[in-house]
Amino acid sequence: MILVTTDYIAGKELEMLGLVKGSTIQSKNVGKDITQSFKTLVGGELKAYTEMMNDARALATKRMIEEAEKLGADAVVNVRYSSASVMQGAAEVMAYGTAVRFL
């Protein structure tokens, strides 16, 4: 599956199949949340949250690809990501784009 942030793929004619998306809501366990709270006192990267967001993006992307494959897509163009805080220590990540088939 080809994923691009552009609305075209060089050298390919595309048939648009429709919007596809994948999402997940992730949170860290209480123990990691407490240790990350201490990190905010001294500054620096919150590695547990970076890891959580990377995992969430990967899962949302996987779900988007699965949805595109069900439509018979060869690629997803205009891929975008969005995230939002759902509650303290939990975030939703969504991946979305347009599923296309090569002509």
PDB file of N, CA and C in Angstrom:
ATOM      1  N   MET A   1       0.854  -1.179   0.000  1.00  0.00           N
ATOM      2  CA  MET A   1       0.000   0.000   0.000  1.00  0.00           C
ATOM      3  C   MET A   1       0.895   1.235   0.000  1.00  0.00           C
ATOM      4  N   ILE A   2       0.629   2.134  -0.931  1.00  0.00           N
ATOM      5  CA  ILE A   2       1.371   3.386  -1.006  1.00  0.00           C
ATOM      6  C   ILE A   2       0.606   4.449  -0.226  1.00  0.00           C
ATOM      7  N   LEU A   3       1.304   5.168   0.635  1.00  0.00           N
ATOM      8  CA  LEU A   3       0.714   6.262   1.405  1.00  0.00           C
ATOM      9  C   LEU A   3       1.470   7.533   1.064  1.00  0.00           C
ATOM     10  N   VAL A   4       0.753   8.581   0.664  1.00  0.00           N
ATOM     11  CA  VAL A   4       1.396   9.860   0.346  1.00  0.00           C
ATOM     12  C   VAL A   4       0.573  11.005   0.920  1.00  0.00           C
ATOM     13  N   THR A   5       1.253  12.123   1.163  1.00  0.00           N
ATOM     14  CA  THR A   5       0.556  13.304   1.676  1.00  0.00           C
ATOM     15  C   THR A   5       0.121  14.234   0.555  1.00  0.00           C
ATOM     16  N   THR A   6       0.476  13.895  -0.670  1.00  0.00           N
ATOM     17  CA  THR A   6       0.068  14.699  -1.826  1.00  0.00           C
ATOM     18  C   THR A   6      -1.261  14.187  -2.371  1.00  0.00           C
ATOM     19  N   ASP A   7      -1.879  14.958  -3.274  1.00  0.00           N
ATOM     20  CA  ASP A   7      -3.148  14.516  -3.855  1.00  0.00           C
ATOM     21  C   ASP A   7      -2.946  13.772  -5.172  1.00  0.00           C
ATOM     22  N   TYR A   8      -1.714  13.399  -5.471  1.00  0.00           N
ATOM     23  CA  TYR A   8      -1.399  12.652  -6.692  1.00  0.00           C
ATOM     24  C   TYR A   8      -0.193  11.746  -6.426  1.00  0.00           C
ATOM     25  N   ILE A   9       0.011  10.797  -7.340  1.00  0.00           N
ATOM     26  CA  ILE A   9       1.203   9.959  -7.332  1.00  0.00           C
ATOM     27  C   ILE A   9       1.800  10.096  -8.729  1.00  0.00           C
ATOM     28  N   ALA A  10       3.012  10.577  -8.802  1.00  0.00           N
ATOM     29  CA  ALA A  10       3.646  10.866 -10.091  1.00  0.00           C
ATOM     30  C   ALA A  10       3.578   9.655 -11.024  1.00  0.00           C
ATOM     31  N   GLY A  11       3.113   9.898 -12.247  1.00  0.00           N
ATOM     32  CA  GLY A  11       3.056   8.855 -13.270  1.00  0.00           C
ATOM     33  C   GLY A  11       1.872   7.928 -13.156  1.00  0.00           C
ATOM     34  N   LYS A  12       0.960   8.178 -12.231  1.00  0.00           N
ATOM     35  CA  LYS A  12      -0.206   7.297 -12.047  1.00  0.00           C
ATOM     36  C   LYS A  12      -1.494   8.076 -12.267  1.00  0.00           C
ATOM     37  N   GLU A  13      -2.428   7.441 -12.966  1.00  0.00           N
ATOM     38  CA  GLU A  13      -3.774   7.985 -13.074  1.00  0.00           C
ATOM     39  C   GLU A  13      -4.594   7.311 -11.991  1.00  0.00           C
ATOM     40  N   LEU A  14      -5.385   8.084 -11.264  1.00  0.00           N
ATOM     41  CA  LEU A  14      -6.066   7.566 -10.084  1.00  0.00           C
ATOM     42  C   LEU A  14      -7.584   7.627 -10.199  1.00  0.00           C
ATOM     43  N   GLU A  15      -8.218   6.603  -9.660  1.00  0.00           N
ATOM     44  CA  GLU A  15      -9.669   6.595  -9.473  1.00  0.00           C
ATOM     45  C   GLU A  15      -9.906   6.693  -7.971  1.00  0.00           C
ATOM     46  N   MET A  16     -10.635   7.710  -7.544  1.00  0.00           N
ATOM     47  CA  MET A  16     -10.897   7.893  -6.117  1.00  0.00           C
ATOM     48  C   MET A  16     -11.983   6.937  -5.654  1.00  0.00           C
ATOM     49  N   LEU A  17     -11.721   6.275  -4.540  1.00  0.00           N
ATOM     50  CA  LEU A  17     -12.667   5.311  -3.994  1.00  0.00           C
ATOM     51  C   LEU A  17     -13.416   5.849  -2.786  1.00  0.00           C
ATOM     52  N   GLY A  18     -12.822   6.792  -2.081  1.00  0.00           N
ATOM     53  CA  GLY A  18     -13.498   7.372  -0.934  1.00  0.00           C
ATOM     54  C   GLY A  18     -12.591   7.582   0.259  1.00  0.00           C
ATOM     55  N   LEU A  19     -13.155   8.224   1.253  1.00  0.00           N
ATOM     56  CA  LEU A  19     -12.444   8.526   2.497  1.00  0.00           C
ATOM     57  C   LEU A  19     -12.207   7.248   3.286  1.00  0.00           C
ATOM     58  N   VAL A  20     -11.003   7.104   3.806  1.00  0.00           N
ATOM     59  CA  VAL A  20     -10.698   6.002   4.719  1.00  0.00           C
ATOM     60  C   VAL A  20     -10.050   6.593   5.967  1.00  0.00           C
ATOM     61  N   LYS A  21     -10.257   5.919   7.085  1.00  0.00           N
ATOM     62  CA  LYS A  21      -9.736   6.436   8.342  1.00  0.00           C
ATOM     63  C   LYS A  21      -9.427   5.289   9.284  1.00  0.00           C
ATOM     64  N   GLY A  22      -8.611   5.595  10.239  1.00  0.00           N
ATOM     65  CA  GLY A  22      -8.320   4.665  11.322  1.00  0.00           C
ATOM     66  C   GLY A  22      -8.071   5.494  12.563  1.00  0.00           C
ATOM     67  N   SER A  23      -8.488   4.993  13.700  1.00  0.00           N
ATOM     68  CA  SER A  23      -8.278   5.761  14.927  1.00  0.00           C
ATOM     69  C   SER A  23      -8.066   4.836  16.110  1.00  0.00           C
ATOM     70  N   THR A  24      -7.537   5.419  17.157  1.00  0.00           N
ATOM     71  CA  THR A  24      -7.345   4.698  18.410  1.00  0.00           C
ATOM     72  C   THR A  24      -7.282   5.720  19.545  1.00  0.00           C
ATOM     73  N   ILE A  25      -7.622   5.286  20.721  1.00  0.00           N
ATOM     74  CA  ILE A  25      -7.444   6.098  21.923  1.00  0.00           C
ATOM     75  C   ILE A  25      -6.500   5.327  22.822  1.00  0.00           C
ATOM     76  N   GLN A  26      -5.409   5.976  23.205  1.00  0.00           N
ATOM     77  CA  GLN A  26      -4.368   5.329  23.996  1.00  0.00           C
ATOM     78  C   GLN A  26      -4.185   6.068  25.319  1.00  0.00           C
ATOM     79  N   SER A  27      -3.767   5.314  26.324  1.00  0.00           N
ATOM     80  CA  SER A  27      -3.402   5.933  27.604  1.00  0.00           C
ATOM     81  C   SER A  27      -2.236   5.155  28.191  1.00  0.00           C
ATOM     82  N   LYS A  28      -1.534   5.781  29.086  1.00  0.00           N
ATOM     83  CA  LYS A  28      -0.443   5.127  29.793  1.00  0.00           C
ATOM     84  C   LYS A  28      -0.971   4.631  31.136  1.00  0.00           C
ATOM     85  N   ASN A  29      -0.306   3.615  31.683  1.00  0.00           N
ATOM     86  CA  ASN A  29      -0.749   3.127  32.983  1.00  0.00           C
ATOM     87  C   ASN A  29      -0.400   4.146  34.068  1.00  0.00           C
ATOM     88  N   VAL A  30      -1.017   4.010  35.205  1.00  0.00           N
ATOM     89  CA  VAL A  30      -0.878   4.976  36.294  1.00  0.00           C
ATOM     90  C   VAL A  30       0.574   5.132  36.734  1.00  0.00           C
ATOM     91  N   GLY A  31       1.314   4.035  36.823  1.00  0.00           N
ATOM     92  CA  GLY A  31       2.711   4.098  37.245  1.00  0.00           C
ATOM     93  C   GLY A  31       3.547   4.956  36.316  1.00  0.00           C
ATOM     94  N   LYS A  32       3.398   4.752  35.020  1.00  0.00           N
ATOM     95  CA  LYS A  32       4.155   5.560  34.061  1.00  0.00           C
ATOM     96  C   LYS A  32       3.672   7.001  34.094  1.00  0.00           C
ATOM     97  N   ASP A  33       2.386   7.203  34.305  1.00  0.00           N
ATOM     98  CA  ASP A  33       1.840   8.559  34.345  1.00  0.00           C
ATOM     99  C   ASP A  33       2.468   9.339  35.505  1.00  0.00           C
ATOM    100  N   ILE A  34       2.628   8.694  36.637  1.00  0.00           N
ATOM    101  CA  ILE A  34       3.223   9.354  37.809  1.00  0.00           C
ATOM    102  C   ILE A  34       4.687   9.698  37.534  1.00  0.00           C
ATOM    103  N   THR A  35       5.443   8.749  36.944  1.00  0.00           N
ATOM    104  CA  THR A  35       6.859   9.033  36.677  1.00  0.00           C
ATOM    105  C   THR A  35       7.010  10.148  35.643  1.00  0.00           C
ATOM    106  N   GLN A  36       6.100  10.232  34.695  1.00  0.00           N
ATOM    107  CA  GLN A  36       6.164  11.297  33.703  1.00  0.00           C
ATOM    108  C   GLN A  36       5.810  12.647  34.327  1.00  0.00           C
ATOM    109  N   SER A  37       4.960  12.645  35.341  1.00  0.00           N
ATOM    110  CA  SER A  37       4.622  13.881  36.044  1.00  0.00           C
ATOM    111  C   SER A  37       5.855  14.469  36.719  1.00  0.00           C
ATOM    112  N   PHE A  38       6.700  13.612  37.295  1.00  0.00           N
ATOM    113  CA  PHE A  38       7.940  14.091  37.904  1.00  0.00           C
ATOM    114  C   PHE A  38       8.869  14.696  36.856  1.00  0.00           C
ATOM    115  N   LYS A  39       8.865  14.132  35.659  1.00  0.00           N
ATOM    116  CA  LYS A  39       9.733  14.618  34.585  1.00  0.00           C
ATOM    117  C   LYS A  39       9.370  16.055  34.207  1.00  0.00           C
ATOM    118  N   THR A  40       8.110  16.424  34.337  1.00  0.00           N
ATOM    119  CA  THR A  40       7.711  17.789  33.980  1.00  0.00           C
ATOM    120  C   THR A  40       8.325  18.820  34.929  1.00  0.00           C
ATOM    121  N   LEU A  41       8.738  18.382  36.105  1.00  0.00           N
ATOM    122  CA  LEU A  41       9.358  19.309  37.059  1.00  0.00           C
ATOM    123  C   LEU A  41      10.757  19.736  36.623  1.00  0.00           C
ATOM    124  N   VAL A  42      11.483  18.820  35.966  1.00  0.00           N
ATOM    125  CA  VAL A  42      12.861  19.122  35.575  1.00  0.00           C
ATOM    126  C   VAL A  42      13.000  19.405  34.082  1.00  0.00           C
ATOM    127  N   GLY A  43      11.977  19.105  33.321  1.00  0.00           N
ATOM    128  CA  GLY A  43      12.014  19.344  31.877  1.00  0.00           C
ATOM    129  C   GLY A  43      12.603  18.173  31.119  1.00  0.00           C
ATOM    130  N   GLY A  44      12.456  18.212  29.810  1.00  0.00           N
ATOM    131  CA  GLY A  44      12.973  17.153  28.956  1.00  0.00           C
ATOM    132  C   GLY A  44      11.854  16.379  28.293  1.00  0.00           C
ATOM    133  N   GLU A  45      12.257  15.448  27.451  1.00  0.00           N
ATOM    134  CA  GLU A  45      11.287  14.654  26.690  1.00  0.00           C
ATOM    135  C   GLU A  45      10.552  13.683  27.598  1.00  0.00           C
ATOM    136  N   LEU A  46       9.252  13.572  27.392  1.00  0.00           N
ATOM    137  CA  LEU A  46       8.440  12.599  28.107  1.00  0.00           C
ATOM    138  C   LEU A  46       8.399  11.337  27.246  1.00  0.00           C
ATOM    139  N   LYS A  47       9.420  10.496  27.400  1.00  0.00           N
ATOM    140  CA  LYS A  47       9.620   9.362  26.487  1.00  0.00           C
ATOM    141  C   LYS A  47       8.459   8.377  26.494  1.00  0.00           C
ATOM    142  N   ALA A  48       7.844   8.155  27.637  1.00  0.00           N
ATOM    143  CA  ALA A  48       6.716   7.219  27.690  1.00  0.00           C
ATOM    144  C   ALA A  48       5.558   7.740  26.840  1.00  0.00           C
ATOM    145  N   TYR A  49       5.346   9.059  26.846  1.00  0.00           N
ATOM    146  CA  TYR A  49       4.265   9.630  26.035  1.00  0.00           C
ATOM    147  C   TYR A  49       4.638   9.668  24.560  1.00  0.00           C
ATOM    148  N   THR A  50       5.915   9.901  24.265  1.00  0.00           N
ATOM    149  CA  THR A  50       6.369   9.847  22.871  1.00  0.00           C
ATOM    150  C   THR A  50       6.128   8.455  22.311  1.00  0.00           C
ATOM    151  N   GLU A  51       6.480   7.445  23.091  1.00  0.00           N
ATOM    152  CA  GLU A  51       6.271   6.054  22.685  1.00  0.00           C
ATOM    153  C   GLU A  51       4.783   5.764  22.514  1.00  0.00           C
ATOM    154  N   MET A  52       3.965   6.250  23.441  1.00  0.00           N
ATOM    155  CA  MET A  52       2.527   6.032  23.357  1.00  0.00           C
ATOM    156  C   MET A  52       1.962   6.637  22.068  1.00  0.00           C
ATOM    157  N   MET A  53       2.376   7.860  21.738  1.00  0.00           N
ATOM    158  CA  MET A  53       1.860   8.521  20.537  1.00  0.00           C
ATOM    159  C   MET A  53       2.371   7.845  19.267  1.00  0.00           C
ATOM    160  N   ASN A  54       3.618   7.385  19.265  1.00  0.00           N
ATOM    161  CA  ASN A  54       4.135   6.650  18.115  1.00  0.00           C
ATOM    162  C   ASN A  54       3.349   5.358  17.892  1.00  0.00           C
ATOM    163  N   ASP A  55       3.069   4.640  18.976  1.00  0.00           N
ATOM    164  CA  ASP A  55       2.268   3.414  18.879  1.00  0.00           C
ATOM    165  C   ASP A  55       0.857   3.721  18.387  1.00  0.00           C
ATOM    166  N   ALA A  56       0.284   4.813  18.884  1.00  0.00           N
ATOM    167  CA  ALA A  56      -1.076   5.187  18.480  1.00  0.00           C
ATOM    168  C   ALA A  56      -1.121   5.548  16.998  1.00  0.00           C
ATOM    169  N   ARG A  57      -0.133   6.306  16.504  1.00  0.00           N
ATOM    170  CA  ARG A  57      -0.088   6.650  15.074  1.00  0.00           C
ATOM    171  C   ARG A  57       0.055   5.404  14.218  1.00  0.00           C
ATOM    172  N   ALA A  58       0.909   4.473  14.655  1.00  0.00           N
ATOM    173  CA  ALA A  58       1.107   3.233  13.896  1.00  0.00           C
ATOM    174  C   ALA A  58      -0.185   2.416  13.829  1.00  0.00           C
ATOM    175  N   LEU A  59      -0.901   2.321  14.937  1.00  0.00           N
ATOM    176  CA  LEU A  59      -2.156   1.562  14.966  1.00  0.00           C
ATOM    177  C   LEU A  59      -3.231   2.245  14.122  1.00  0.00           C
ATOM    178  N   ALA A  60      -3.337   3.570  14.225  1.00  0.00           N
ATOM    179  CA  ALA A  60      -4.323   4.305  13.420  1.00  0.00           C
ATOM    180  C   ALA A  60      -4.013   4.145  11.930  1.00  0.00           C
ATOM    181  N   THR A  61      -2.735   4.199  11.566  1.00  0.00           N
ATOM    182  CA  THR A  61      -2.336   4.014  10.168  1.00  0.00           C
ATOM    183  C   THR A  61      -2.696   2.612   9.689  1.00  0.00           C
ATOM    184  N   LYS A  62      -2.417   1.612  10.504  1.00  0.00           N
ATOM    185  CA  LYS A  62      -2.742   0.219  10.163  1.00  0.00           C
ATOM    186  C   LYS A  62      -4.238   0.064   9.912  1.00  0.00           C
ATOM    187  N   ARG A  63      -5.055   0.655  10.765  1.00  0.00           N
ATOM    188  CA  ARG A  63      -6.516   0.556  10.610  1.00  0.00           C
ATOM    189  C   ARG A  63      -6.993   1.286   9.358  1.00  0.00           C
ATOM    190  N   MET A  64      -6.362   2.414   9.032  1.00  0.00           N
ATOM    191  CA  MET A  64      -6.704   3.137   7.809  1.00  0.00           C
ATOM    192  C   MET A  64      -6.374   2.278   6.588  1.00  0.00           C
ATOM    193  N   ILE A  65      -5.207   1.659   6.593  1.00  0.00           N
ATOM    194  CA  ILE A  65      -4.791   0.800   5.486  1.00  0.00           C
ATOM    195  C   ILE A  65      -5.754  -0.373   5.323  1.00  0.00           C
ATOM    196  N   GLU A  66      -6.154  -0.987   6.420  1.00  0.00           N
ATOM    197  CA  GLU A  66      -7.100  -2.108   6.353  1.00  0.00           C
ATOM    198  C   GLU A  66      -8.418  -1.680   5.714  1.00  0.00           C
ATOM    199  N   GLU A  67      -8.884  -0.482   6.058  1.00  0.00           N
ATOM    200  CA  GLU A  67     -10.124   0.035   5.474  1.00  0.00           C
ATOM    201  C   GLU A  67      -9.944   0.266   3.967  1.00  0.00           C
ATOM    202  N   ALA A  68      -8.787   0.793   3.572  1.00  0.00           N
ATOM    203  CA  ALA A  68      -8.494   1.030   2.155  1.00  0.00           C
ATOM    204  C   ALA A  68      -8.423  -0.293   1.387  1.00  0.00           C
ATOM    205  N   GLU A  69      -7.803  -1.291   1.987  1.00  0.00           N
ATOM    206  CA  GLU A  69      -7.697  -2.603   1.332  1.00  0.00           C
ATOM    207  C   GLU A  69      -9.068  -3.219   1.100  1.00  0.00           C
ATOM    208  N   LYS A  70     -10.007  -3.025   2.022  1.00  0.00           N
ATOM    209  CA  LYS A  70     -11.370  -3.538   1.844  1.00  0.00           C
ATOM    210  C   LYS A  70     -12.052  -2.914   0.624  1.00  0.00           C
ATOM    211  N   LEU A  71     -11.641  -1.693   0.279  1.00  0.00           N
ATOM    212  CA  LEU A  71     -12.199  -1.018  -0.902  1.00  0.00           C
ATOM    213  C   LEU A  71     -11.457  -1.399  -2.182  1.00  0.00           C
ATOM    214  N   GLY A  72     -10.388  -2.186  -2.060  1.00  0.00           N
ATOM    215  CA  GLY A  72      -9.590  -2.561  -3.219  1.00  0.00           C
ATOM    216  C   GLY A  72      -8.609  -1.485  -3.650  1.00  0.00           C
ATOM    217  N   ALA A  73      -8.202  -0.644  -2.738  1.00  0.00           N
ATOM    218  CA  ALA A  73      -7.307   0.475  -3.048  1.00  0.00           C
ATOM    219  C   ALA A  73      -5.875   0.006  -3.264  1.00  0.00           C
ATOM    220  N   ASP A  74      -5.171   0.752  -4.106  1.00  0.00           N
ATOM    221  CA  ASP A  74      -3.741   0.550  -4.322  1.00  0.00           C
ATOM    222  C   ASP A  74      -2.923   1.530  -3.483  1.00  0.00           C
ATOM    223  N   ALA A  75      -3.554   2.630  -3.081  1.00  0.00           N
ATOM    224  CA  ALA A  75      -2.843   3.678  -2.355  1.00  0.00           C
ATOM    225  C   ALA A  75      -3.837   4.527  -1.573  1.00  0.00           C
ATOM    226  N   VAL A  76      -3.284   5.333  -0.675  1.00  0.00           N
ATOM    227  CA  VAL A  76      -4.064   6.354   0.020  1.00  0.00           C
ATOM    228  C   VAL A  76      -3.325   7.673  -0.184  1.00  0.00           C
ATOM    229  N   VAL A  77      -4.033   8.656  -0.742  1.00  0.00           N
ATOM    230  CA  VAL A  77      -3.442   9.975  -0.975  1.00  0.00           C
ATOM    231  C   VAL A  77      -3.992  10.965   0.041  1.00  0.00           C
ATOM    232  N   ASN A  78      -3.320  12.105   0.157  1.00  0.00           N
ATOM    233  CA  ASN A  78      -3.717  13.148   1.117  1.00  0.00           C
ATOM    234  C   ASN A  78      -3.797  12.622   2.548  1.00  0.00           C
ATOM    235  N   VAL A  79      -2.840  11.787   2.930  1.00  0.00           N
ATOM    236  CA  VAL A  79      -2.848  11.219   4.280  1.00  0.00           C
ATOM    237  C   VAL A  79      -2.580  12.329   5.293  1.00  0.00           C
ATOM    238  N   ARG A  80      -3.398  12.347   6.316  1.00  0.00           N
ATOM    239  CA  ARG A  80      -3.281  13.334   7.393  1.00  0.00           C
ATOM    240  C   ARG A  80      -3.456  12.632   8.737  1.00  0.00           C
ATOM    241  N   TYR A  81      -2.925  13.265   9.759  1.00  0.00           N
ATOM    242  CA  TYR A  81      -3.078  12.779  11.132  1.00  0.00           C
ATOM    243  C   TYR A  81      -3.652  13.898  11.987  1.00  0.00           C
ATOM    244  N   SER A  82      -4.474  13.511  12.942  1.00  0.00           N
ATOM    245  CA  SER A  82      -4.944  14.485  13.927  1.00  0.00           C
ATOM    246  C   SER A  82      -4.922  13.802  15.289  1.00  0.00           C
ATOM    247  N   SER A  83      -4.789  14.608  16.316  1.00  0.00           N
ATOM    248  CA  SER A  83      -4.816  14.056  17.665  1.00  0.00           C
ATOM    249  C   SER A  83      -5.560  15.015  18.575  1.00  0.00           C
ATOM    250  N   ALA A  84      -6.119  14.452  19.614  1.00  0.00           N
ATOM    251  CA  ALA A  84      -6.858  15.248  20.581  1.00  0.00           C
ATOM    252  C   ALA A  84      -6.764  14.581  21.942  1.00  0.00           C
ATOM    253  N   SER A  85      -6.691  15.381  22.954  1.00  0.00           N
ATOM    254  CA  SER A  85      -6.706  14.870  24.318  1.00  0.00           C
ATOM    255  C   SER A  85      -8.137  14.493  24.665  1.00  0.00           C
ATOM    256  N   VAL A  86      -8.318  13.267  25.124  1.00  0.00           N
ATOM    257  CA  VAL A  86      -9.653  12.796  25.487  1.00  0.00           C
ATOM    258  C   VAL A  86      -9.899  13.009  26.976  1.00  0.00           C
ATOM    259  N   MET A  87      -8.850  12.784  27.753  1.00  0.00           N
ATOM    260  CA  MET A  87      -8.872  13.000  29.197  1.00  0.00           C
ATOM    261  C   MET A  87      -7.421  13.061  29.658  1.00  0.00           C
ATOM    262  N   GLN A  88      -7.190  13.349  30.908  1.00  0.00           N
ATOM    263  CA  GLN A  88      -5.827  13.414  31.433  1.00  0.00           C
ATOM    264  C   GLN A  88      -5.090  12.105  31.147  1.00  0.00           C
ATOM    265  N   GLY A  89      -4.010  12.170  30.392  1.00  0.00           N
ATOM    266  CA  GLY A  89      -3.201  10.989  30.126  1.00  0.00           C
ATOM    267  C   GLY A  89      -3.696  10.099  29.008  1.00  0.00           C
ATOM    268  N   ALA A  90      -4.727  10.518  28.274  1.00  0.00           N
ATOM    269  CA  ALA A  90      -5.247   9.709  27.169  1.00  0.00           C
ATOM    270  C   ALA A  90      -5.440  10.599  25.949  1.00  0.00           C
ATOM    271  N   ALA A  91      -5.098  10.052  24.786  1.00  0.00           N
ATOM    272  CA  ALA A  91      -5.206  10.826  23.549  1.00  0.00           C
ATOM    273  C   ALA A  91      -5.787   9.965  22.441  1.00  0.00           C
ATOM    274  N   GLU A  92      -6.571  10.610  21.593  1.00  0.00           N
ATOM    275  CA  GLU A  92      -7.076   9.962  20.385  1.00  0.00           C
ATOM    276  C   GLU A  92      -6.179  10.375  19.233  1.00  0.00           C
ATOM    277  N   VAL A  93      -5.825   9.424  18.396  1.00  0.00           N
ATOM    278  CA  VAL A  93      -5.076   9.699  17.177  1.00  0.00           C
ATOM    279  C   VAL A  93      -5.891   9.156  16.021  1.00  0.00           C
ATOM    280  N   MET A  94      -6.042   9.974  14.977  1.00  0.00           N
ATOM    281  CA  MET A  94      -6.769   9.550  13.785  1.00  0.00           C
ATOM    282  C   MET A  94      -5.877   9.743  12.567  1.00  0.00           C
ATOM    283  N   ALA A  95      -5.873   8.750  11.694  1.00  0.00           N
ATOM    284  CA  ALA A  95      -5.209   8.834  10.395  1.00  0.00           C
ATOM    285  C   ALA A  95      -6.320   8.774   9.353  1.00  0.00           C
ATOM    286  N   TYR A  96      -6.245   9.648   8.341  1.00  0.00           N
ATOM    287  CA  TYR A  96      -7.278   9.632   7.315  1.00  0.00           C
ATOM    288  C   TYR A  96      -6.710  10.089   5.985  1.00  0.00           C
ATOM    289  N   GLY A  97      -7.385   9.698   4.915  1.00  0.00           N
ATOM    290  CA  GLY A  97      -6.969  10.073   3.578  1.00  0.00           C
ATOM    291  C   GLY A  97      -7.982   9.571   2.565  1.00  0.00           C
ATOM    292  N   THR A  98      -7.622   9.673   1.297  1.00  0.00           N
ATOM    293  CA  THR A  98      -8.496   9.239   0.214  1.00  0.00           C
ATOM    294  C   THR A  98      -7.936   7.965  -0.409  1.00  0.00           C
ATOM    295  N   ALA A  99      -8.732   6.907  -0.390  1.00  0.00           N
ATOM    296  CA  ALA A  99      -8.328   5.641  -1.008  1.00  0.00           C
ATOM    297  C   ALA A  99      -8.457   5.778  -2.511  1.00  0.00           C
ATOM    298  N   VAL A 100      -7.447   5.306  -3.254  1.00  0.00           N
ATOM    299  CA  VAL A 100      -7.460   5.376  -4.708  1.00  0.00           C
ATOM    300  C   VAL A 100      -7.020   4.049  -5.317  1.00  0.00           C
ATOM    301  N   ARG A 101      -7.451   3.842  -6.560  1.00  0.00           N
ATOM    302  CA  ARG A 101      -7.047   2.682  -7.335  1.00  0.00           C
ATOM    303  C   ARG A 101      -6.343   3.211  -8.581  1.00  0.00           C
ATOM    304  N   PHE A 102      -5.287   2.512  -9.018  1.00  0.00           N
ATOM    305  CA  PHE A 102      -4.578   2.907 -10.228  1.00  0.00           C
ATOM    306  C   PHE A 102      -5.368   2.492 -11.457  1.00  0.00           C
ATOM    307  N   LEU A 103      -5.392   3.350 -12.454  1.00  0.00           N
ATOM    308  CA  LEU A 103      -6.078   3.040 -13.717  1.00  0.00           C
ATOM    309  C   LEU A 103      -5.091   2.478 -14.723  1.00  0.00           C
TER     310      LEU A 103
END
